[in-house]
Amino acid sequence: MVDTFCVPTPVNELYLAPPVPERDPGTEADRLVDRAAIWETFGRVGRSRLAEANRLSLDENGVLFTKPALDRVIQLVLTGIARLQARR
């Protein structure tokens, strides 16, 4: 796993101690950020299958998982969503 992948930021603190407590136990797993598990899953899936699923190119996926700049990550996620919507 590269050091820049999903680096903890102050936003993580909001997930751990939100200003409005989340009491629904069904969403507890959604509030955990396990960098190693995410990296392992993406590695197991592979870049080609991931690119097919999220509609980003192999290069864009490479940037997505190594770029610490959140604005670029958001841009890539929105690009993938737009491409997925265009397929419908």
N, C-alpha and C. Protein backbone atom coordinates (compact mmCIF):
# COMPACT_ATOMS: atom_id res chain seq x y z
N MET A 1 0.86 -1.17 0.00
CA MET A 1 0.00 0.00 0.00
C MET A 1 0.90 1.23 0.00
N VAL A 2 0.59 2.17 -0.87
CA VAL A 2 1.36 3.40 -0.90
C VAL A 2 0.98 4.29 0.28
N ASP A 3 1.93 5.07 0.73
CA ASP A 3 1.70 5.92 1.90
C ASP A 3 0.61 6.97 1.69
N THR A 4 0.38 7.36 0.43
CA THR A 4 -0.60 8.41 0.16
C THR A 4 -2.02 7.89 0.00
N PHE A 5 -2.21 6.57 0.10
CA PHE A 5 -3.55 6.01 -0.10
C PHE A 5 -4.42 6.22 1.14
N CYS A 6 -5.48 6.97 0.98
CA CYS A 6 -6.51 7.13 2.01
C CYS A 6 -5.90 7.55 3.35
N VAL A 7 -5.01 8.54 3.27
CA VAL A 7 -4.33 9.02 4.47
C VAL A 7 -5.34 9.63 5.43
N PRO A 8 -5.27 9.26 6.70
CA PRO A 8 -6.20 9.86 7.67
C PRO A 8 -6.06 11.38 7.71
N THR A 9 -7.19 12.05 7.73
CA THR A 9 -7.25 13.51 7.80
C THR A 9 -8.18 13.90 8.94
N PRO A 10 -8.33 15.17 9.21
CA PRO A 10 -9.28 15.59 10.24
C PRO A 10 -10.72 15.12 9.97
N VAL A 11 -11.02 14.87 8.70
CA VAL A 11 -12.37 14.38 8.37
C VAL A 11 -12.62 13.02 9.03
N ASN A 12 -11.57 12.22 9.17
CA ASN A 12 -11.73 10.92 9.82
C ASN A 12 -12.28 11.08 11.24
N GLU A 13 -11.87 12.15 11.89
CA GLU A 13 -12.36 12.41 13.25
C GLU A 13 -13.87 12.60 13.26
N LEU A 14 -14.41 13.16 12.19
CA LEU A 14 -15.87 13.33 12.11
C LEU A 14 -16.58 11.99 12.04
N TYR A 15 -15.95 11.03 11.38
CA TYR A 15 -16.54 9.69 11.32
C TYR A 15 -16.46 9.00 12.67
N LEU A 16 -15.35 9.24 13.39
CA LEU A 16 -15.17 8.60 14.69
C LEU A 16 -16.02 9.26 15.77
N ALA A 17 -16.16 10.58 15.70
CA ALA A 17 -16.93 11.32 16.71
C ALA A 17 -17.75 12.41 15.99
N PRO A 18 -18.83 12.01 15.32
CA PRO A 18 -19.61 13.00 14.58
C PRO A 18 -20.31 13.99 15.50
N PRO A 19 -20.55 15.21 15.01
CA PRO A 19 -21.23 16.21 15.84
C PRO A 19 -22.65 15.78 16.22
N VAL A 20 -23.27 15.00 15.35
CA VAL A 20 -24.57 14.40 15.64
C VAL A 20 -24.34 12.89 15.67
N PRO A 21 -24.40 12.31 16.84
CA PRO A 21 -24.08 10.88 16.95
C PRO A 21 -24.97 10.00 16.07
N GLU A 22 -24.35 9.05 15.41
CA GLU A 22 -25.04 8.07 14.57
C GLU A 22 -25.37 6.88 15.47
N ARG A 23 -26.63 6.57 15.60
CA ARG A 23 -27.04 5.50 16.51
C ARG A 23 -27.51 4.23 15.79
N ASP A 24 -27.61 4.29 14.48
CA ASP A 24 -28.09 3.15 13.71
C ASP A 24 -26.96 2.12 13.58
N PRO A 25 -27.09 0.96 14.25
CA PRO A 25 -26.02 -0.03 14.17
C PRO A 25 -25.84 -0.58 12.75
N GLY A 26 -26.85 -0.44 11.91
CA GLY A 26 -26.76 -0.93 10.54
C GLY A 26 -25.79 -0.14 9.67
N THR A 27 -25.42 1.06 10.12
CA THR A 27 -24.48 1.88 9.34
C THR A 27 -23.10 1.95 9.98
N GLU A 28 -22.88 1.17 11.02
CA GLU A 28 -21.60 1.24 11.73
C GLU A 28 -20.42 0.91 10.82
N ALA A 29 -20.56 -0.10 9.98
CA ALA A 29 -19.46 -0.48 9.08
C ALA A 29 -19.14 0.62 8.09
N ASP A 30 -20.13 1.44 7.73
CA ASP A 30 -19.90 2.54 6.79
C ASP A 30 -19.06 3.66 7.40
N ARG A 31 -18.96 3.68 8.71
CA ARG A 31 -18.21 4.74 9.38
C ARG A 31 -16.75 4.36 9.64
N LEU A 32 -16.38 3.14 9.33
CA LEU A 32 -15.01 2.68 9.55
C LEU A 32 -14.19 2.83 8.28
N VAL A 33 -12.98 3.32 8.40
CA VAL A 33 -12.09 3.44 7.25
C VAL A 33 -10.89 2.54 7.53
N ASP A 34 -10.88 1.39 6.89
CA ASP A 34 -9.80 0.42 7.05
C ASP A 34 -8.95 0.46 5.79
N ARG A 35 -7.91 1.28 5.81
CA ARG A 35 -7.07 1.49 4.63
C ARG A 35 -6.54 0.18 4.07
N ALA A 36 -6.05 -0.69 4.94
CA ALA A 36 -5.44 -1.95 4.48
C ALA A 36 -6.48 -2.84 3.80
N ALA A 37 -7.68 -2.92 4.37
CA ALA A 37 -8.72 -3.76 3.78
C ALA A 37 -9.16 -3.21 2.42
N ILE A 38 -9.27 -1.90 2.31
CA ILE A 38 -9.66 -1.29 1.04
C ILE A 38 -8.59 -1.56 -0.01
N TRP A 39 -7.34 -1.33 0.34
CA TRP A 39 -6.23 -1.56 -0.58
C TRP A 39 -6.19 -3.01 -1.02
N GLU A 40 -6.38 -3.94 -0.07
CA GLU A 40 -6.36 -5.37 -0.38
C GLU A 40 -7.50 -5.74 -1.33
N THR A 41 -8.67 -5.20 -1.09
CA THR A 41 -9.82 -5.48 -1.96
C THR A 41 -9.57 -4.99 -3.37
N PHE A 42 -9.10 -3.76 -3.50
CA PHE A 42 -8.81 -3.23 -4.83
C PHE A 42 -7.72 -4.02 -5.52
N GLY A 43 -6.74 -4.47 -4.75
CA GLY A 43 -5.68 -5.29 -5.32
C GLY A 43 -6.19 -6.62 -5.82
N ARG A 44 -7.09 -7.21 -5.07
CA ARG A 44 -7.67 -8.50 -5.43
C ARG A 44 -8.55 -8.37 -6.69
N VAL A 45 -9.30 -7.29 -6.76
CA VAL A 45 -10.17 -7.06 -7.92
C VAL A 45 -9.32 -6.80 -9.16
N GLY A 46 -8.26 -6.03 -9.01
CA GLY A 46 -7.38 -5.72 -10.13
C GLY A 46 -7.79 -4.44 -10.83
N ARG A 47 -6.81 -3.77 -11.40
CA ARG A 47 -7.05 -2.47 -12.03
C ARG A 47 -7.99 -2.57 -13.23
N SER A 48 -7.87 -3.62 -14.01
CA SER A 48 -8.72 -3.73 -15.21
C SER A 48 -10.19 -3.89 -14.84
N ARG A 49 -10.47 -4.78 -13.89
CA ARG A 49 -11.87 -4.98 -13.48
C ARG A 49 -12.41 -3.75 -12.77
N LEU A 50 -11.55 -3.11 -11.99
CA LEU A 50 -11.97 -1.89 -11.31
C LEU A 50 -12.29 -0.79 -12.33
N ALA A 51 -11.44 -0.65 -13.34
CA ALA A 51 -11.68 0.35 -14.39
C ALA A 51 -12.98 0.06 -15.13
N GLU A 52 -13.24 -1.21 -15.37
CA GLU A 52 -14.49 -1.59 -16.04
C GLU A 52 -15.69 -1.23 -15.17
N ALA A 53 -15.56 -1.41 -13.87
CA ALA A 53 -16.67 -1.14 -12.97
C ALA A 53 -16.90 0.35 -12.74
N ASN A 54 -15.81 1.12 -12.59
CA ASN A 54 -16.01 2.54 -12.25
C ASN A 54 -15.89 3.46 -13.47
N ARG A 55 -15.60 2.89 -14.64
CA ARG A 55 -15.55 3.61 -15.92
C ARG A 55 -14.41 4.63 -15.98
N LEU A 56 -13.43 4.52 -15.12
CA LEU A 56 -12.24 5.35 -15.23
C LEU A 56 -11.18 4.56 -15.98
N SER A 57 -10.27 5.26 -16.63
CA SER A 57 -9.18 4.58 -17.34
C SER A 57 -8.20 3.99 -16.33
N LEU A 58 -7.31 3.15 -16.82
CA LEU A 58 -6.29 2.58 -15.93
C LEU A 58 -5.44 3.69 -15.32
N ASP A 59 -5.08 4.69 -16.13
CA ASP A 59 -4.29 5.81 -15.61
C ASP A 59 -5.07 6.60 -14.56
N GLU A 60 -6.36 6.85 -14.82
CA GLU A 60 -7.18 7.59 -13.86
C GLU A 60 -7.30 6.81 -12.55
N ASN A 61 -7.44 5.50 -12.63
CA ASN A 61 -7.49 4.70 -11.41
C ASN A 61 -6.17 4.75 -10.66
N GLY A 62 -5.06 4.78 -11.40
CA GLY A 62 -3.76 4.91 -10.75
C GLY A 62 -3.66 6.20 -9.96
N VAL A 63 -4.15 7.28 -10.55
CA VAL A 63 -4.14 8.57 -9.86
C VAL A 63 -5.08 8.52 -8.66
N LEU A 64 -6.23 7.93 -8.84
CA LEU A 64 -7.23 7.87 -7.77
C LEU A 64 -6.67 7.26 -6.50
N PHE A 65 -5.83 6.25 -6.63
CA PHE A 65 -5.33 5.55 -5.45
C PHE A 65 -3.97 6.00 -4.97
N THR A 66 -3.41 7.00 -5.62
CA THR A 66 -2.10 7.48 -5.16
C THR A 66 -2.07 8.98 -4.94
N LYS A 67 -3.12 9.67 -5.30
CA LYS A 67 -3.13 11.14 -5.24
C LYS A 67 -3.66 11.60 -3.88
N PRO A 68 -2.86 12.36 -3.15
CA PRO A 68 -3.35 12.84 -1.86
C PRO A 68 -4.27 14.06 -1.97
N ALA A 69 -4.36 14.67 -3.16
CA ALA A 69 -5.19 15.86 -3.33
C ALA A 69 -6.66 15.48 -3.46
N LEU A 70 -7.41 15.82 -2.46
CA LEU A 70 -8.82 15.43 -2.40
C LEU A 70 -9.62 15.98 -3.57
N ASP A 71 -9.32 17.19 -4.02
CA ASP A 71 -10.10 17.75 -5.13
C ASP A 71 -9.96 16.91 -6.40
N ARG A 72 -8.77 16.36 -6.66
CA ARG A 72 -8.58 15.50 -7.84
C ARG A 72 -9.30 14.17 -7.66
N VAL A 73 -9.28 13.64 -6.46
CA VAL A 73 -10.00 12.39 -6.17
C VAL A 73 -11.49 12.59 -6.39
N ILE A 74 -12.02 13.69 -5.88
CA ILE A 74 -13.45 13.98 -6.06
C ILE A 74 -13.78 14.13 -7.55
N GLN A 75 -12.91 14.81 -8.28
CA GLN A 75 -13.12 14.98 -9.72
C GLN A 75 -13.18 13.62 -10.42
N LEU A 76 -12.28 12.72 -10.07
CA LEU A 76 -12.27 11.40 -10.70
C LEU A 76 -13.50 10.58 -10.32
N VAL A 77 -13.91 10.65 -9.08
CA VAL A 77 -15.12 9.91 -8.65
C VAL A 77 -16.34 10.43 -9.41
N LEU A 78 -16.46 11.74 -9.52
CA LEU A 78 -17.60 12.31 -10.26
C LEU A 78 -17.53 11.97 -11.75
N THR A 79 -16.32 11.93 -12.31
CA THR A 79 -16.16 11.53 -13.71
C THR A 79 -16.65 10.10 -13.91
N GLY A 80 -16.25 9.20 -13.02
CA GLY A 80 -16.70 7.82 -13.11
C GLY A 80 -18.21 7.69 -13.01
N ILE A 81 -18.80 8.44 -12.08
CA ILE A 81 -20.26 8.40 -11.92
C ILE A 81 -20.94 8.90 -13.19
N ALA A 82 -20.42 9.99 -13.77
CA ALA A 82 -21.01 10.52 -15.00
C ALA A 82 -20.92 9.50 -16.13
N ARG A 83 -19.81 8.81 -16.23
CA ARG A 83 -19.65 7.80 -17.28
C ARG A 83 -20.59 6.62 -17.05
N LEU A 84 -20.78 6.26 -15.80
CA LEU A 84 -21.73 5.19 -15.49
C LEU A 84 -23.14 5.59 -15.86
N GLN A 85 -23.51 6.82 -15.55
CA GLN A 85 -24.86 7.31 -15.88
C GLN A 85 -25.08 7.36 -17.39
N ALA A 86 -24.03 7.71 -18.13
CA ALA A 86 -24.14 7.79 -19.59
C ALA A 86 -24.40 6.41 -20.21
N ARG A 87 -23.99 5.35 -19.54
CA ARG A 87 -24.21 3.99 -20.04
C ARG A 87 -25.67 3.57 -19.95
N ARG A 88 -26.42 4.21 -19.10
CA ARG A 88 -27.82 3.79 -18.88
C ARG A 88 -28.71 4.18 -20.00
